[in-house]
PDB file of all heavy atoms in Angstrom:
ATOM      1  N   SER A   1     102.091 103.418 126.563  1.00  0.00           N
ATOM      2  CA  SER A   1     101.546 104.484 127.421  1.00  0.00           C
ATOM      3  C   SER A   1     101.844 105.895 126.846  1.00  0.00           C
ATOM      4  O   SER A   1     101.129 106.837 127.173  1.00  0.00           O
ATOM      5  CB  SER A   1     102.209 104.374 128.812  1.00  0.00           C
ATOM      6  OG  SER A   1     103.646 104.468 128.686  1.00  0.00           O
ATOM      7  N   ASN A   2     102.821 106.002 125.948  1.00  0.00           N
ATOM      8  CA  ASN A   2     103.178 107.285 125.423  1.00  0.00           C
ATOM      9  C   ASN A   2     102.564 107.596 124.071  1.00  0.00           C
ATOM     10  O   ASN A   2     103.061 108.473 123.351  1.00  0.00           O
ATOM     11  CB  ASN A   2     104.687 107.422 125.323  1.00  0.00           C
ATOM     12  CG  ASN A   2     105.304 106.389 124.370  1.00  0.00           C
ATOM     13  OD1 ASN A   2     104.649 105.379 124.044  1.00  0.00           O
ATOM     14  ND2 ASN A   2     106.547 106.622 123.956  1.00  0.00           N
ATOM     15  N   ILE A   3     101.478 106.914 123.750  1.00  0.00           N
ATOM     16  CA  ILE A   3     100.842 107.074 122.478  1.00  0.00           C
ATOM     17  C   ILE A   3     100.176 108.475 122.380  1.00  0.00           C
ATOM     18  O   ILE A   3      99.610 108.947 123.361  1.00  0.00           O
ATOM     19  CB  ILE A   3      99.815 105.971 122.212  1.00  0.00           C
ATOM     20  CG1 ILE A   3      99.602 105.744 120.698  1.00  0.00           C
ATOM     21  CG2 ILE A   3      98.476 106.277 122.840  1.00  0.00           C
ATOM     22  CD1 ILE A   3     100.716 104.921 120.109  1.00  0.00           C
ATOM     23  N   PRO A   4     100.228 109.160 121.235  1.00  0.00           N
ATOM     24  CA  PRO A   4      99.566 110.454 121.115  1.00  0.00           C
ATOM     25  C   PRO A   4      98.073 110.346 121.361  1.00  0.00           C
ATOM     26  O   PRO A   4      97.412 109.367 120.973  1.00  0.00           O
ATOM     27  CB  PRO A   4      99.829 110.861 119.666  1.00  0.00           C
ATOM     28  CG  PRO A   4     101.079 110.099 119.295  1.00  0.00           C
ATOM     29  CD  PRO A   4     101.010 108.827 120.014  1.00  0.00           C
ATOM     30  N   SER A   5      97.490 111.374 121.982  1.00  0.00           N
ATOM     31  CA  SER A   5      96.090 111.352 122.386  1.00  0.00           C
ATOM     32  C   SER A   5      95.125 111.196 121.239  1.00  0.00           C
ATOM     33  O   SER A   5      94.072 110.535 121.358  1.00  0.00           O
ATOM     34  CB  SER A   5      95.733 112.616 123.201  1.00  0.00           C
ATOM     35  OG  SER A   5      95.984 113.779 122.404  1.00  0.00           O
ATOM     36  N   GLU A   6      95.439 111.765 120.061  1.00  0.00           N
ATOM     37  CA  GLU A   6      94.516 111.691 118.942  1.00  0.00           C
ATOM     38  C   GLU A   6      94.356 110.229 118.456  1.00  0.00           C
ATOM     39  O   GLU A   6      93.378 109.897 117.826  1.00  0.00           O
ATOM     40  CB  GLU A   6      94.979 112.574 117.774  1.00  0.00           C
ATOM     41  CG  GLU A   6      96.244 112.126 117.037  1.00  0.00           C
ATOM     42  CD  GLU A   6      97.482 112.766 117.585  1.00  0.00           C
ATOM     43  OE1 GLU A   6      97.458 113.297 118.717  1.00  0.00           O
ATOM     44  OE2 GLU A   6      98.516 112.741 116.902  1.00  0.00           O
ATOM     45  N   MET A   7      95.347 109.381 118.731  1.00  0.00           N
ATOM     46  CA  MET A   7      95.248 108.006 118.318  1.00  0.00           C
ATOM     47  C   MET A   7      94.328 107.162 119.238  1.00  0.00           C
ATOM     48  O   MET A   7      93.965 106.071 118.914  1.00  0.00           O
ATOM     49  CB  MET A   7      96.613 107.349 118.245  1.00  0.00           C
ATOM     50  CG  MET A   7      97.514 108.004 117.206  1.00  0.00           C
ATOM     51  SD  MET A   7      99.262 107.401 117.213  1.00  0.00           S
ATOM     52  CE  MET A   7      99.033 105.748 116.570  1.00  0.00           C
ATOM     53  N   LEU A   8      93.978 107.776 120.402  1.00  0.00           N
ATOM     54  CA  LEU A   8      93.082 107.122 121.329  1.00  0.00           C
ATOM     55  C   LEU A   8      91.702 107.691 121.283  1.00  0.00           C
ATOM     56  O   LEU A   8      90.732 107.064 121.680  1.00  0.00           O
ATOM     57  CB  LEU A   8      93.624 107.274 122.769  1.00  0.00           C
ATOM     58  CG  LEU A   8      95.015 106.621 123.034  1.00  0.00           C
ATOM     59  CD1 LEU A   8      95.460 107.001 124.445  1.00  0.00           C
ATOM     60  CD2 LEU A   8      94.929 105.119 122.874  1.00  0.00           C
ATOM     61  N   GLY A   9      91.591 108.915 120.770  1.00  0.00           N
ATOM     62  CA  GLY A   9      90.320 109.634 120.830  1.00  0.00           C
ATOM     63  C   GLY A   9      89.460 109.509 119.608  1.00  0.00           C
ATOM     64  O   GLY A   9      88.345 110.082 119.609  1.00  0.00           O
ATOM     65  N   GLU A  10      89.943 108.875 118.551  1.00  0.00           N
ATOM     66  CA  GLU A  10      89.113 108.729 117.362  1.00  0.00           C
ATOM     67  C   GLU A  10      89.264 107.363 116.739  1.00  0.00           C
ATOM     68  O   GLU A  10      90.221 106.647 117.021  1.00  0.00           O
ATOM     69  CB  GLU A  10      89.424 109.804 116.324  1.00  0.00           C
ATOM     70  CG  GLU A  10      90.880 109.715 115.801  1.00  0.00           C
ATOM     71  CD  GLU A  10      91.172 110.791 114.738  1.00  0.00           C
ATOM     72  OE1 GLU A  10      90.262 111.489 114.363  1.00  0.00           O
ATOM     73  OE2 GLU A  10      92.343 110.853 114.281  1.00  0.00           O
ATOM     74  N   SER A  11      88.265 106.970 115.936  1.00  0.00           N
ATOM     75  CA  SER A  11      88.248 105.664 115.248  1.00  0.00           C
ATOM     76  C   SER A  11      88.231 105.966 113.766  1.00  0.00           C
ATOM     77  O   SER A  11      87.446 106.727 113.268  1.00  0.00           O
ATOM     78  CB  SER A  11      87.024 104.849 115.663  1.00  0.00           C
ATOM     79  OG  SER A  11      87.065 104.539 117.025  1.00  0.00           O
ATOM     80  N   LYS A  12      89.136 105.302 113.041  1.00  0.00           N
ATOM     81  CA  LYS A  12      89.246 105.466 111.591  1.00  0.00           C
ATOM     82  C   LYS A  12      89.629 104.105 110.982  1.00  0.00           C
ATOM     83  O   LYS A  12      90.278 103.297 111.602  1.00  0.00           O
ATOM     84  CB  LYS A  12      90.296 106.498 111.208  1.00  0.00           C
ATOM     85  CG  LYS A  12      89.989 107.900 111.651  1.00  0.00           C
ATOM     86  CD  LYS A  12      88.883 108.538 110.813  1.00  0.00           C
ATOM     87  CE  LYS A  12      88.662 109.981 111.196  1.00  0.00           C
ATOM     88  NZ  LYS A  12      87.489 110.550 110.439  1.00  0.00           N
ATOM     89  N   GLY A  13      89.238 103.936 109.727  1.00  0.00           N
ATOM     90  CA  GLY A  13      89.782 102.790 108.965  1.00  0.00           C
ATOM     91  C   GLY A  13      91.234 103.045 108.719  1.00  0.00           C
ATOM     92  O   GLY A  13      91.730 104.168 108.579  1.00  0.00           O
ATOM     93  N   VAL A  14      91.975 101.954 108.581  1.00  0.00           N
ATOM     94  CA  VAL A  14      93.461 102.051 108.415  1.00  0.00           C
ATOM     95  C   VAL A  14      93.924 100.918 107.515  1.00  0.00           C
ATOM     96  O   VAL A  14      93.436  99.771 107.628  1.00  0.00           O
ATOM     97  CB  VAL A  14      94.178 101.898 109.768  1.00  0.00           C
ATOM     98  CG1 VAL A  14      95.675 101.689 109.574  1.00  0.00           C
ATOM     99  CG2 VAL A  14      93.957 103.144 110.631  1.00  0.00           C
ATOM    100  N   PHE A  15      94.864 101.227 106.611  1.00  0.00           N
ATOM    101  CA  PHE A  15      95.565 100.195 105.859  1.00  0.00           C
ATOM    102  C   PHE A  15      97.024 100.258 106.211  1.00  0.00           C
ATOM    103  O   PHE A  15      97.613 101.333 106.262  1.00  0.00           O
ATOM    104  CB  PHE A  15      95.393 100.416 104.354  1.00  0.00           C
ATOM    105  CG  PHE A  15      94.170  99.790 103.812  1.00  0.00           C
ATOM    106  CD1 PHE A  15      92.927 100.438 103.966  1.00  0.00           C
ATOM    107  CD2 PHE A  15      94.208  98.540 103.177  1.00  0.00           C
ATOM    108  CE1 PHE A  15      91.752  99.831 103.468  1.00  0.00           C
ATOM    109  CE2 PHE A  15      93.010  97.976 102.710  1.00  0.00           C
ATOM    110  CZ  PHE A  15      91.817  98.614 102.832  1.00  0.00           C
ATOM    111  N   VAL A  16      97.630  99.126 106.452  1.00  0.00           N
ATOM    112  CA  VAL A  16      99.070  99.017 106.703  1.00  0.00           C
ATOM    113  C   VAL A  16      99.724  98.288 105.533  1.00  0.00           C
ATOM    114  O   VAL A  16      99.236  97.174 105.166  1.00  0.00           O
ATOM    115  CB  VAL A  16      99.331  98.242 108.034  1.00  0.00           C
ATOM    116  CG1 VAL A  16     100.858  98.067 108.224  1.00  0.00           C
ATOM    117  CG2 VAL A  16      98.729  99.018 109.195  1.00  0.00           C
ATOM    118  N   THR A  17     100.720  98.901 104.992  1.00  0.00           N
ATOM    119  CA  THR A  17     101.446  98.312 103.825  1.00  0.00           C
ATOM    120  C   THR A  17     102.899  98.037 104.239  1.00  0.00           C
ATOM    121  O   THR A  17     103.577  98.843 104.816  1.00  0.00           O
ATOM    122  CB  THR A  17     101.410  99.292 102.639  1.00  0.00           C
ATOM    123  OG1 THR A  17     100.065  99.627 102.314  1.00  0.00           O
ATOM    124  CG2 THR A  17     102.102  98.711 101.443  1.00  0.00           C
ATOM    125  N   ILE A  18     103.332  96.787 103.841  1.00  0.00           N
ATOM    126  CA  ILE A  18     104.696  96.395 104.123  1.00  0.00           C
ATOM    127  C   ILE A  18     105.412  96.098 102.764  1.00  0.00           C
ATOM    128  O   ILE A  18     104.864  95.405 101.951  1.00  0.00           O
ATOM    129  CB  ILE A  18     104.734  95.087 104.978  1.00  0.00           C
ATOM    130  CG1 ILE A  18     103.951  95.308 106.290  1.00  0.00           C
ATOM    131  CG2 ILE A  18     106.150  94.661 105.261  1.00  0.00           C
ATOM    132  CD1 ILE A  18     103.669  94.015 107.025  1.00  0.00           C
ATOM    133  N   ARG A  19     106.599  96.669 102.639  1.00  0.00           N
ATOM    134  CA  ARG A  19     107.421  96.379 101.458  1.00  0.00           C
ATOM    135  C   ARG A  19     108.746  95.822 101.914  1.00  0.00           C
ATOM    136  O   ARG A  19     109.267  96.187 102.963  1.00  0.00           O
ATOM    137  CB  ARG A  19     107.626  97.659 100.626  1.00  0.00           C
ATOM    138  CG  ARG A  19     106.356  98.138  99.954  1.00  0.00           C
ATOM    139  CD  ARG A  19     106.579  99.267  98.964  1.00  0.00           C
ATOM    140  NE  ARG A  19     105.341  99.585  98.241  1.00  0.00           N
ATOM    141  CZ  ARG A  19     104.916  98.976  97.202  1.00  0.00           C
ATOM    142  NH1 ARG A  19     105.601  98.000  96.652  1.00  0.00           N
ATOM    143  NH2 ARG A  19     103.786  99.348  96.622  1.00  0.00           N
ATOM    144  N   GLN A  20     109.300  94.974 101.055  1.00  0.00           N
ATOM    145  CA  GLN A  20     110.598  94.331 101.342  1.00  0.00           C
ATOM    146  C   GLN A  20     111.347  94.186 100.072  1.00  0.00           C
ATOM    147  O   GLN A  20     110.827  93.633  99.073  1.00  0.00           O
ATOM    148  CB  GLN A  20     110.384  92.991 102.038  1.00  0.00           C
ATOM    149  CG  GLN A  20     111.686  92.295 102.460  1.00  0.00           C
ATOM    150  CD  GLN A  20     111.393  90.979 103.145  1.00  0.00           C
ATOM    151  OE1 GLN A  20     110.264  90.487 103.174  1.00  0.00           O
ATOM    152  NE2 GLN A  20     112.407  90.364 103.651  1.00  0.00           N
ATOM    153  N   ASN A  21     112.608  94.588 100.058  1.00  0.00           N
ATOM    154  CA  ASN A  21     113.474  94.473  98.859  1.00  0.00           C
ATOM    155  C   ASN A  21     112.794  95.034  97.632  1.00  0.00           C
ATOM    156  O   ASN A  21     112.860  94.480  96.505  1.00  0.00           O
ATOM    157  CB  ASN A  21     113.815  92.982  98.631  1.00  0.00           C
ATOM    158  CG  ASN A  21     114.629  92.405  99.734  1.00  0.00           C
ATOM    159  OD1 ASN A  21     115.524  93.090 100.281  1.00  0.00           O
ATOM    160  ND2 ASN A  21     114.404  91.143 100.068  1.00  0.00           N
ATOM    161  N   GLY A  22     112.098  96.169  97.810  1.00  0.00           N
ATOM    162  CA  GLY A  22     111.528  96.857  96.688  1.00  0.00           C
ATOM    163  C   GLY A  22     110.198  96.327  96.209  1.00  0.00           C
ATOM    164  O   GLY A  22     109.638  96.827  95.230  1.00  0.00           O
ATOM    165  N   ALA A  23     109.644  95.314  96.871  1.00  0.00           N
ATOM    166  CA  ALA A  23     108.406  94.713  96.431  1.00  0.00           C
ATOM    167  C   ALA A  23     107.376  94.690  97.571  1.00  0.00           C
ATOM    168  O   ALA A  23     107.747  94.678  98.747  1.00  0.00           O
ATOM    169  CB  ALA A  23     108.652  93.276  95.917  1.00  0.00           C
ATOM    170  N   LEU A  24     106.097  94.627  97.181  1.00  0.00           N
ATOM    171  CA  LEU A  24     105.073  94.527  98.185  1.00  0.00           C
ATOM    172  C   LEU A  24     105.181  93.201  98.951  1.00  0.00           C
ATOM    173  O   LEU A  24     105.452  92.178  98.350  1.00  0.00           O
ATOM    174  CB  LEU A  24     103.683  94.539  97.496  1.00  0.00           C
ATOM    175  CG  LEU A  24     102.436  94.531  98.412  1.00  0.00           C
ATOM    176  CD1 LEU A  24     102.358  95.789  99.222  1.00  0.00           C
ATOM    177  CD2 LEU A  24     101.166  94.355  97.569  1.00  0.00           C
ATOM    178  N   ARG A  25     105.059  93.288 100.270  1.00  0.00           N
ATOM    179  CA  ARG A  25     105.172  92.090 101.113  1.00  0.00           C
ATOM    180  C   ARG A  25     103.946  91.826 101.934  1.00  0.00           C
ATOM    181  O   ARG A  25     103.810  90.797 102.564  1.00  0.00           O
ATOM    182  CB  ARG A  25     106.420  92.307 102.060  1.00  0.00           C
ATOM    183  CG  ARG A  25     106.802  91.100 102.836  1.00  0.00           C
ATOM    184  CD  ARG A  25     107.299  89.979 101.965  1.00  0.00           C
ATOM    185  NE  ARG A  25     107.862  88.894 102.741  1.00  0.00           N
ATOM    186  CZ  ARG A  25     107.201  87.972 103.398  1.00  0.00           C
ATOM    187  NH1 ARG A  25     105.894  87.985 103.383  1.00  0.00           N
ATOM    188  NH2 ARG A  25     107.817  87.002 104.075  1.00  0.00           N
ATOM    189  N   GLY A  26     103.023  92.813 101.929  1.00  0.00           N
ATOM    190  CA  GLY A  26     101.758  92.639 102.620  1.00  0.00           C
ATOM    191  C   GLY A  26     101.008  93.899 102.713  1.00  0.00           C
ATOM    192  O   GLY A  26     101.602  94.972 102.868  1.00  0.00           O
ATOM    193  N   CYS A  27      99.723  93.870 102.564  1.00  0.00           N
ATOM    194  CA  CYS A  27      98.853  95.068 102.644  1.00  0.00           C
ATOM    195  C   CYS A  27      97.445  94.646 102.994  1.00  0.00           C
ATOM    196  O   CYS A  27      96.781  94.008 102.179  1.00  0.00           O
ATOM    197  CB  CYS A  27      98.892  95.867 101.356  1.00  0.00           C
ATOM    198  SG  CYS A  27      97.900  97.419 101.459  1.00  0.00           S
ATOM    199  N   LEU A  28      97.018  94.988 104.189  1.00  0.00           N
ATOM    200  CA  LEU A  28      95.655  94.698 104.627  1.00  0.00           C
ATOM    201  C   LEU A  28      95.148  95.856 105.500  1.00  0.00           C
ATOM    202  O   LEU A  28      95.921  96.612 106.077  1.00  0.00           O
ATOM    203  CB  LEU A  28      95.588  93.385 105.435  1.00  0.00           C
ATOM    204  CG  LEU A  28      95.731  92.073 104.619  1.00  0.00           C
ATOM    205  CD1 LEU A  28      95.737  90.898 105.538  1.00  0.00           C
ATOM    206  CD2 LEU A  28      94.675  91.937 103.581  1.00  0.00           C
ATOM    207  N   GLY A  29      93.861  95.959 105.578  1.00  0.00           N
ATOM    208  CA  GLY A  29      93.280  97.023 106.397  1.00  0.00           C
ATOM    209  C   GLY A  29      91.775  97.046 106.258  1.00  0.00           C
ATOM    210  O   GLY A  29      91.152  96.110 105.784  1.00  0.00           O
ATOM    211  N   SER A  30      91.186  98.163 106.643  1.00  0.00           N
ATOM    212  CA  SER A  30      89.750  98.353 106.648  1.00  0.00           C
ATOM    213  C   SER A  30      89.427  99.765 106.283  1.00  0.00           C
ATOM    214  O   SER A  30      90.071 100.697 106.762  1.00  0.00           O
ATOM    215  CB  SER A  30      89.151  97.957 108.010  1.00  0.00           C
ATOM    216  OG  SER A  30      89.839  98.661 109.052  1.00  0.00           O
ATOM    217  N   THR A  31      88.430  99.969 105.460  1.00  0.00           N
ATOM    218  CA  THR A  31      87.992 101.336 105.116  1.00  0.00           C
ATOM    219  C   THR A  31      87.118 101.938 106.219  1.00  0.00           C
ATOM    220  O   THR A  31      87.040 103.148 106.346  1.00  0.00           O
ATOM    221  CB  THR A  31      87.197 101.342 103.787  1.00  0.00           C
ATOM    222  OG1 THR A  31      86.119 100.408 103.856  1.00  0.00           O
ATOM    223  CG2 THR A  31      88.120 100.988 102.617  1.00  0.00           C
ATOM    224  N   LYS A  32      86.477 101.068 107.021  1.00  0.00           N
ATOM    225  CA  LYS A  32      85.687 101.531 108.147  1.00  0.00           C
ATOM    226  C   LYS A  32      86.284 100.984 109.408  1.00  0.00           C
ATOM    227  O   LYS A  32      86.803  99.858 109.439  1.00  0.00           O
ATOM    228  CB  LYS A  32      84.239 101.038 108.025  1.00  0.00           C
ATOM    229  CG  LYS A  32      83.531 101.583 106.771  1.00  0.00           C
ATOM    230  CD  LYS A  32      82.080 101.046 106.690  1.00  0.00           C
ATOM    231  CE  LYS A  32      81.391 101.524 105.446  1.00  0.00           C
ATOM    232  NZ  LYS A  32      80.019 100.967 105.308  1.00  0.00           N
ATOM    233  N   PRO A  33      86.290 101.776 110.529  1.00  0.00           N
ATOM    234  CA  PRO A  33      86.936 101.321 111.738  1.00  0.00           C
ATOM    235  C   PRO A  33      86.217 100.106 112.351  1.00  0.00           C
ATOM    236  O   PRO A  33      85.032  99.952 112.312  1.00  0.00           O
ATOM    237  CB  PRO A  33      86.788 102.523 112.692  1.00  0.00           C
ATOM    238  CG  PRO A  33      85.653 103.289 112.137  1.00  0.00           C
ATOM    239  CD  PRO A  33      85.701 103.109 110.662  1.00  0.00           C
ATOM    240  N   ILE A  34      87.042  99.229 112.835  1.00  0.00           N
ATOM    241  CA  ILE A  34      86.566  97.989 113.529  1.00  0.00           C
ATOM    242  C   ILE A  34      86.964  98.043 115.003  1.00  0.00           C
ATOM    243  O   ILE A  34      86.175  97.695 115.859  1.00  0.00           O
ATOM    244  CB  ILE A  34      87.177  96.701 112.850  1.00  0.00           C
ATOM    245  CG1 ILE A  34      86.741  96.609 111.402  1.00  0.00           C
ATOM    246  CG2 ILE A  34      86.787  95.483 113.611  1.00  0.00           C
ATOM    247  CD1 ILE A  34      87.420  95.513 110.628  1.00  0.00           C
ATOM    248  N   ALA A  35      88.143  98.527 115.298  1.00  0.00           N
ATOM    249  CA  ALA A  35      88.604  98.648 116.683  1.00  0.00           C
ATOM    250  C   ALA A  35      88.024  99.903 117.352  1.00  0.00           C
ATOM    251  O   ALA A  35      87.490 100.780 116.680  1.00  0.00           O
ATOM    252  CB  ALA A  35      90.091  98.664 116.724  1.00  0.00           C
ATOM    253  N   LYS A  36      88.194  99.983 118.641  1.00  0.00           N
ATOM    254  CA  LYS A  36      87.572 101.119 119.395  1.00  0.00           C
ATOM    255  C   LYS A  36      88.332 102.435 119.240  1.00  0.00           C
ATOM    256  O   LYS A  36      87.788 103.481 119.520  1.00  0.00           O
ATOM    257  CB  LYS A  36      87.474 100.754 120.884  1.00  0.00           C
ATOM    258  CG  LYS A  36      88.799 100.519 121.578  1.00  0.00           C
ATOM    259  CD  LYS A  36      88.601 100.138 123.032  1.00  0.00           C
ATOM    260  CE  LYS A  36      89.908  99.858 123.758  1.00  0.00           C
ATOM    261  NZ  LYS A  36      89.707  99.507 125.187  1.00  0.00           N
ATOM    262  N   ASN A  37      89.574 102.336 118.793  1.00  0.00           N
ATOM    263  CA  ASN A  37      90.299 103.580 118.554  1.00  0.00           C
ATOM    264  C   ASN A  37      91.369 103.340 117.435  1.00  0.00           C
ATOM    265  O   ASN A  37      91.621 102.215 117.040  1.00  0.00           O
ATOM    266  CB  ASN A  37      90.972 104.121 119.839  1.00  0.00           C
ATOM    267  CG  ASN A  37      91.891 103.098 120.455  1.00  0.00           C
ATOM    268  OD1 ASN A  37      92.745 102.474 119.843  1.00  0.00           O
ATOM    269  ND2 ASN A  37      91.678 102.883 121.797  1.00  0.00           N
ATOM    270  N   LEU A  38      92.011 104.419 117.010  1.00  0.00           N
ATOM    271  CA  LEU A  38      92.934 104.364 115.907  1.00  0.00           C
ATOM    272  C   LEU A  38      94.153 103.552 116.239  1.00  0.00           C
ATOM    273  O   LEU A  38      94.705 102.795 115.382  1.00  0.00           O
ATOM    274  CB  LEU A  38      93.309 105.794 115.521  1.00  0.00           C
ATOM    275  CG  LEU A  38      94.154 106.030 114.284  1.00  0.00           C
ATOM    276  CD1 LEU A  38      93.554 105.287 113.060  1.00  0.00           C
ATOM    277  CD2 LEU A  38      94.300 107.509 113.998  1.00  0.00           C
ATOM    278  N   ALA A  39      94.641 103.637 117.465  1.00  0.00           N
ATOM    279  CA  ALA A  39      95.803 102.851 117.848  1.00  0.00           C
ATOM    280  C   ALA A  39      95.548 101.364 117.741  1.00  0.00           C
ATOM    281  O   ALA A  39      96.375 100.607 117.173  1.00  0.00           O
ATOM    282  CB  ALA A  39      96.184 103.201 119.320  1.00  0.00           C
ATOM    283  N   GLN A  40      94.401 100.905 118.220  1.00  0.00           N
ATOM    284  CA  GLN A  40      94.062  99.479 118.088  1.00  0.00           C
ATOM    285  C   GLN A  40      93.858  99.083 116.643  1.00  0.00           C
ATOM    286  O   GLN A  40      94.233  97.968 116.272  1.00  0.00           O
ATOM    287  CB  GLN A  40      92.813  99.181 118.894  1.00  0.00           C
ATOM    288  CG  GLN A  40      92.976  99.125 120.418  1.00  0.00           C
ATOM    289  CD  GLN A  40      93.747  97.867 120.871  1.00  0.00           C
ATOM    290  OE1 GLN A  40      94.237  97.121 120.066  1.00  0.00           O
ATOM    291  NE2 GLN A  40      93.840  97.712 122.167  1.00  0.00           N
ATOM    292  N   GLU A  41      93.344  99.973 115.846  1.00  0.00           N
ATOM    293  CA  GLU A  41      93.154  99.681 114.429  1.00  0.00           C
ATOM    294  C   GLU A  41      94.504  99.461 113.769  1.00  0.00           C
ATOM    295  O   GLU A  41      94.660  98.537 112.937  1.00  0.00           O
ATOM    296  CB  GLU A  41      92.401 100.863 113.755  1.00  0.00           C
ATOM    297  CG  GLU A  41      91.749 100.509 112.442  1.00  0.00           C
ATOM    298  CD  GLU A  41      90.427  99.813 112.616  1.00  0.00           C
ATOM    299  OE1 GLU A  41      89.695 100.060 113.617  1.00  0.00           O
ATOM    300  OE2 GLU A  41      90.109  99.007 111.723  1.00  0.00           O
ATOM    301  N   ILE A  42      95.446 100.298 114.079  1.00  0.00           N
ATOM    302  CA  ILE A  42      96.796 100.165 113.489  1.00  0.00           C
ATOM    303  C   ILE A  42      97.443  98.885 113.963  1.00  0.00           C
ATOM    304  O   ILE A  42      98.014  98.114 113.136  1.00  0.00           O
ATOM    305  CB  ILE A  42      97.671 101.396 113.861  1.00  0.00           C
ATOM    306  CG1 ILE A  42      97.167 102.654 113.206  1.00  0.00           C
ATOM    307  CG2 ILE A  42      99.134 101.133 113.497  1.00  0.00           C
ATOM    308  CD1 ILE A  42      97.822 103.937 113.654  1.00  0.00           C
ATOM    309  N   ILE A  43      97.373  98.582 115.213  1.00  0.00           N
ATOM    310  CA  ILE A  43      97.986  97.354 115.764  1.00  0.00           C
ATOM    311  C   ILE A  43      97.394  96.105 115.090  1.00  0.00           C
ATOM    312  O   ILE A  43      98.125  95.235 114.634  1.00  0.00           O
ATOM    313  CB  ILE A  43      97.828  97.306 117.288  1.00  0.00           C
ATOM    314  CG1 ILE A  43      98.644  98.358 117.958  1.00  0.00           C
ATOM    315  CG2 ILE A  43      98.175  95.927 117.820  1.00  0.00           C
ATOM    316  CD1 ILE A  43      98.367  98.529 119.466  1.00  0.00           C
ATOM    317  N   THR A  44      96.062  96.083 115.046  1.00  0.00           N
ATOM    318  CA  THR A  44      95.398  94.921 114.437  1.00  0.00           C
ATOM    319  C   THR A  44      95.723  94.702 112.983  1.00  0.00           C
ATOM    320  O   THR A  44      96.083  93.576 112.517  1.00  0.00           O
ATOM    321  CB  THR A  44      93.844  95.037 114.632  1.00  0.00           C
ATOM    322  OG1 THR A  44      93.546  95.081 116.016  1.00  0.00           O
ATOM    323  CG2 THR A  44      93.161  93.831 114.020  1.00  0.00           C
ATOM    324  N   ASN A  45      95.644  95.794 112.202  1.00  0.00           N
ATOM    325  CA  ASN A  45      95.911  95.690 110.758  1.00  0.00           C
ATOM    326  C   ASN A  45      97.364  95.487 110.454  1.00  0.00           C
ATOM    327  O   ASN A  45      97.704  94.877 109.411  1.00  0.00           O
ATOM    328  CB  ASN A  45      95.330  96.900 110.060  1.00  0.00           C
ATOM    329  CG  ASN A  45      93.824  96.865 110.070  1.00  0.00           C
ATOM    330  OD1 ASN A  45      93.194  95.792 110.157  1.00  0.00           O
ATOM    331  ND2 ASN A  45      93.144  98.039 109.990  1.00  0.00           N
TER     332      ASN A  45
END
């Protein structure tokens, strides 16, 4: 409920990168938005 308004008011592609012990552990995302807003895009990716 306390998410910033800009994360609800726009749609953007997002990549989320995870590193562990100095190495890549996961990286997936989308260059074009799929979800209805940026918050959902971040959660999904």
